[in-house]
Amino acid sequence: MDPGYDRHVFICAHERPPGSSRGCCREKGSLELMSAIKRAAKAEGIPNIRVQKSGCLNFCEHGISCVVYPEGVWYTLTGEADIPAIIEHLRTGTVAPHLLMRLEE
């Protein structure tokens, strides 16, 4: 059976104890941002996508971790200002270079 998704977005919802040196995506508002992305995608009428929370994606210290499949593009999100770029990726597959996760920083 085909799941019917053209693109699948995972947004980290990991929660570490308060004061963790790496921080966590949940304390940075990942669940609220995930909900906002879902609403925006629905409002735009983008079919065949799935936006959902994930367990730890292991890059919480960089910001809210997000990965979009099938491209396997990793993003670091900071808030609602990033939604238009993510929606464009979901609609057209266009990668948002300014949101790409940069692990060397």
C-alpha atoms as a PDB file:
ATOM      1  CA  MET A   1       0.000   0.000   0.000  1.00  0.00           C
ATOM      2  CA  ASP A   2       1.326   3.452  -0.942  1.00  0.00           C
ATOM      3  CA  PRO A   3       1.213   5.975   1.949  1.00  0.00           C
ATOM      4  CA  GLY A   4       0.363   8.721  -0.544  1.00  0.00           C
ATOM      5  CA  TYR A   5       2.842  11.359   0.665  1.00  0.00           C
ATOM      6  CA  ASP A   6       4.944  13.321  -1.798  1.00  0.00           C
ATOM      7  CA  ARG A   7       6.841  14.949   1.063  1.00  0.00           C
ATOM      8  CA  HIS A   8       7.175  14.051   4.723  1.00  0.00           C
ATOM      9  CA  VAL A   9       8.353  16.592   7.307  1.00  0.00           C
ATOM     10  CA  PHE A  10       9.698  15.630  10.710  1.00  0.00           C
ATOM     11  CA  ILE A  11      10.124  18.311  13.371  1.00  0.00           C
ATOM     12  CA  CYS A  12      12.027  17.423  16.518  1.00  0.00           C
ATOM     13  CA  ALA A  13       9.907  17.442  19.671  1.00  0.00           C
ATOM     14  CA  HIS A  14      12.617  16.154  21.995  1.00  0.00           C
ATOM     15  CA  GLU A  15      12.628  17.406  25.565  1.00  0.00           C
ATOM     16  CA  ARG A  16      15.721  17.387  27.764  1.00  0.00           C
ATOM     17  CA  PRO A  17      15.859  18.305  31.439  1.00  0.00           C
ATOM     18  CA  PRO A  18      15.955  22.051  32.204  1.00  0.00           C
ATOM     19  CA  GLY A  19      19.471  23.455  32.035  1.00  0.00           C
ATOM     20  CA  SER A  20      20.780  20.853  29.587  1.00  0.00           C
ATOM     21  CA  SER A  21      23.900  22.111  27.832  1.00  0.00           C
ATOM     22  CA  ARG A  22      22.478  21.084  24.428  1.00  0.00           C
ATOM     23  CA  GLY A  23      19.009  22.509  24.995  1.00  0.00           C
ATOM     24  CA  CYS A  24      16.053  20.912  23.301  1.00  0.00           C
ATOM     25  CA  CYS A  25      13.787  21.646  20.404  1.00  0.00           C
ATOM     26  CA  ARG A  26      10.615  21.475  22.473  1.00  0.00           C
ATOM     27  CA  GLU A  27      11.700  24.354  24.738  1.00  0.00           C
ATOM     28  CA  LYS A  28      12.376  26.390  21.568  1.00  0.00           C
ATOM     29  CA  GLY A  29       8.735  26.019  20.497  1.00  0.00           C
ATOM     30  CA  SER A  30       8.984  23.115  18.058  1.00  0.00           C
ATOM     31  CA  LEU A  31       5.480  21.766  18.710  1.00  0.00           C
ATOM     32  CA  GLU A  32       3.870  25.167  18.214  1.00  0.00           C
ATOM     33  CA  LEU A  33       5.888  25.693  15.033  1.00  0.00           C
ATOM     34  CA  MET A  34       4.910  22.248  13.760  1.00  0.00           C
ATOM     35  CA  SER A  35       1.242  23.095  14.285  1.00  0.00           C
ATOM     36  CA  ALA A  36       1.673  26.418  12.477  1.00  0.00           C
ATOM     37  CA  ILE A  37       3.352  24.683   9.508  1.00  0.00           C
ATOM     38  CA  LYS A  38       0.491  22.165   9.364  1.00  0.00           C
ATOM     39  CA  ARG A  39      -2.075  24.975   9.355  1.00  0.00           C
ATOM     40  CA  ALA A  40      -0.187  26.896   6.663  1.00  0.00           C
ATOM     41  CA  ALA A  41       0.135  23.832   4.429  1.00  0.00           C
ATOM     42  CA  LYS A  42      -3.575  23.120   4.806  1.00  0.00           C
ATOM     43  CA  ALA A  43      -4.468  26.762   4.078  1.00  0.00           C
ATOM     44  CA  GLU A  44      -2.286  26.619   0.940  1.00  0.00           C
ATOM     45  CA  GLY A  45      -4.041  23.432  -0.160  1.00  0.00           C
ATOM     46  CA  ILE A  46      -0.829  21.445  -0.549  1.00  0.00           C
ATOM     47  CA  PRO A  47      -1.854  17.811  -1.112  1.00  0.00           C
ATOM     48  CA  ASN A  48      -0.035  14.605  -0.284  1.00  0.00           C
ATOM     49  CA  ILE A  49       2.211  15.819   2.521  1.00  0.00           C
ATOM     50  CA  ARG A  50       2.645  14.857   6.142  1.00  0.00           C
ATOM     51  CA  VAL A  51       4.008  17.144   8.854  1.00  0.00           C
ATOM     52  CA  GLN A  52       4.648  15.497  12.204  1.00  0.00           C
ATOM     53  CA  LYS A  53       6.747  15.564  15.332  1.00  0.00           C
ATOM     54  CA  SER A  54       9.657  13.244  15.722  1.00  0.00           C
ATOM     55  CA  GLY A  55      11.794  11.998  18.527  1.00  0.00           C
ATOM     56  CA  CYS A  56      15.250  13.475  18.944  1.00  0.00           C
ATOM     57  CA  LEU A  57      16.948  14.314  15.645  1.00  0.00           C
ATOM     58  CA  ASN A  58      20.177  14.897  17.620  1.00  0.00           C
ATOM     59  CA  PHE A  59      20.892  18.515  16.644  1.00  0.00           C
ATOM     60  CA  CYS A  60      18.901  20.429  19.272  1.00  0.00           C
ATOM     61  CA  GLU A  61      21.796  22.751  20.092  1.00  0.00           C
ATOM     62  CA  HIS A  62      21.506  24.317  16.620  1.00  0.00           C
ATOM     63  CA  GLY A  63      17.826  25.330  16.878  1.00  0.00           C
ATOM     64  CA  ILE A  64      14.617  23.508  15.986  1.00  0.00           C
ATOM     65  CA  SER A  65      15.630  20.526  13.870  1.00  0.00           C
ATOM     66  CA  CYS A  66      13.560  19.665  10.815  1.00  0.00           C
ATOM     67  CA  VAL A  67      14.080  17.204   7.981  1.00  0.00           C
ATOM     68  CA  VAL A  68      12.063  16.965   4.758  1.00  0.00           C
ATOM     69  CA  TYR A  69      11.843  13.708   2.804  1.00  0.00           C
ATOM     70  CA  PRO A  70      12.188  12.339   0.169  1.00  0.00           C
ATOM     71  CA  GLU A  71      14.896  14.949  -0.452  1.00  0.00           C
ATOM     72  CA  GLY A  72      16.502  14.389   2.955  1.00  0.00           C
ATOM     73  CA  VAL A  73      17.011  18.132   3.443  1.00  0.00           C
ATOM     74  CA  TRP A  74      17.885  19.162   7.003  1.00  0.00           C
ATOM     75  CA  TYR A  75      16.814  22.566   8.268  1.00  0.00           C
ATOM     76  CA  THR A  76      17.341  24.581  11.419  1.00  0.00           C
ATOM     77  CA  LEU A  77      14.170  26.552  12.150  1.00  0.00           C
ATOM     78  CA  THR A  78      13.872  29.542  14.438  1.00  0.00           C
ATOM     79  CA  GLY A  79      10.194  30.444  14.311  1.00  0.00           C
ATOM     80  CA  GLU A  80       7.153  31.395  12.262  1.00  0.00           C
ATOM     81  CA  ALA A  81       9.194  33.616   9.932  1.00  0.00           C
ATOM     82  CA  ASP A  82      10.575  30.374   8.441  1.00  0.00           C
ATOM     83  CA  ILE A  83       7.153  29.009   7.470  1.00  0.00           C
ATOM     84  CA  PRO A  84       6.904  30.555   3.963  1.00  0.00           C
ATOM     85  CA  ALA A  85      10.189  28.941   2.922  1.00  0.00           C
ATOM     86  CA  ILE A  86       9.121  25.552   4.280  1.00  0.00           C
ATOM     87  CA  ILE A  87       5.756  25.847   2.523  1.00  0.00           C
ATOM     88  CA  GLU A  88       7.548  26.642  -0.738  1.00  0.00           C
ATOM     89  CA  HIS A  89       9.694  23.526  -0.275  1.00  0.00           C
ATOM     90  CA  LEU A  90       6.575  21.446   0.323  1.00  0.00           C
ATOM     91  CA  ARG A  91       4.835  22.917  -2.703  1.00  0.00           C
ATOM     92  CA  THR A  92       7.686  22.844  -5.239  1.00  0.00           C
ATOM     93  CA  GLY A  93      10.669  21.003  -3.759  1.00  0.00           C
ATOM     94  CA  THR A  94      12.690  24.229  -3.753  1.00  0.00           C
ATOM     95  CA  VAL A  95      15.284  24.067  -0.983  1.00  0.00           C
ATOM     96  CA  ALA A  96      15.560  27.104   1.322  1.00  0.00           C
ATOM     97  CA  PRO A  97      19.344  27.669   1.483  1.00  0.00           C
ATOM     98  CA  HIS A  98      19.100  30.166   4.346  1.00  0.00           C
ATOM     99  CA  LEU A  99      17.481  27.540   6.570  1.00  0.00           C
ATOM    100  CA  LEU A 100      19.848  24.660   5.831  1.00  0.00           C
ATOM    101  CA  MET A 101      21.337  23.126   8.951  1.00  0.00           C
ATOM    102  CA  ARG A 102      24.968  24.165   9.299  1.00  0.00           C
ATOM    103  CA  LEU A 103      26.743  21.780  11.606  1.00  0.00           C
ATOM    104  CA  GLU A 104      30.162  23.376  11.221  1.00  0.00           C
ATOM    105  CA  GLU A 105      29.068  26.551  13.054  1.00  0.00           C
END
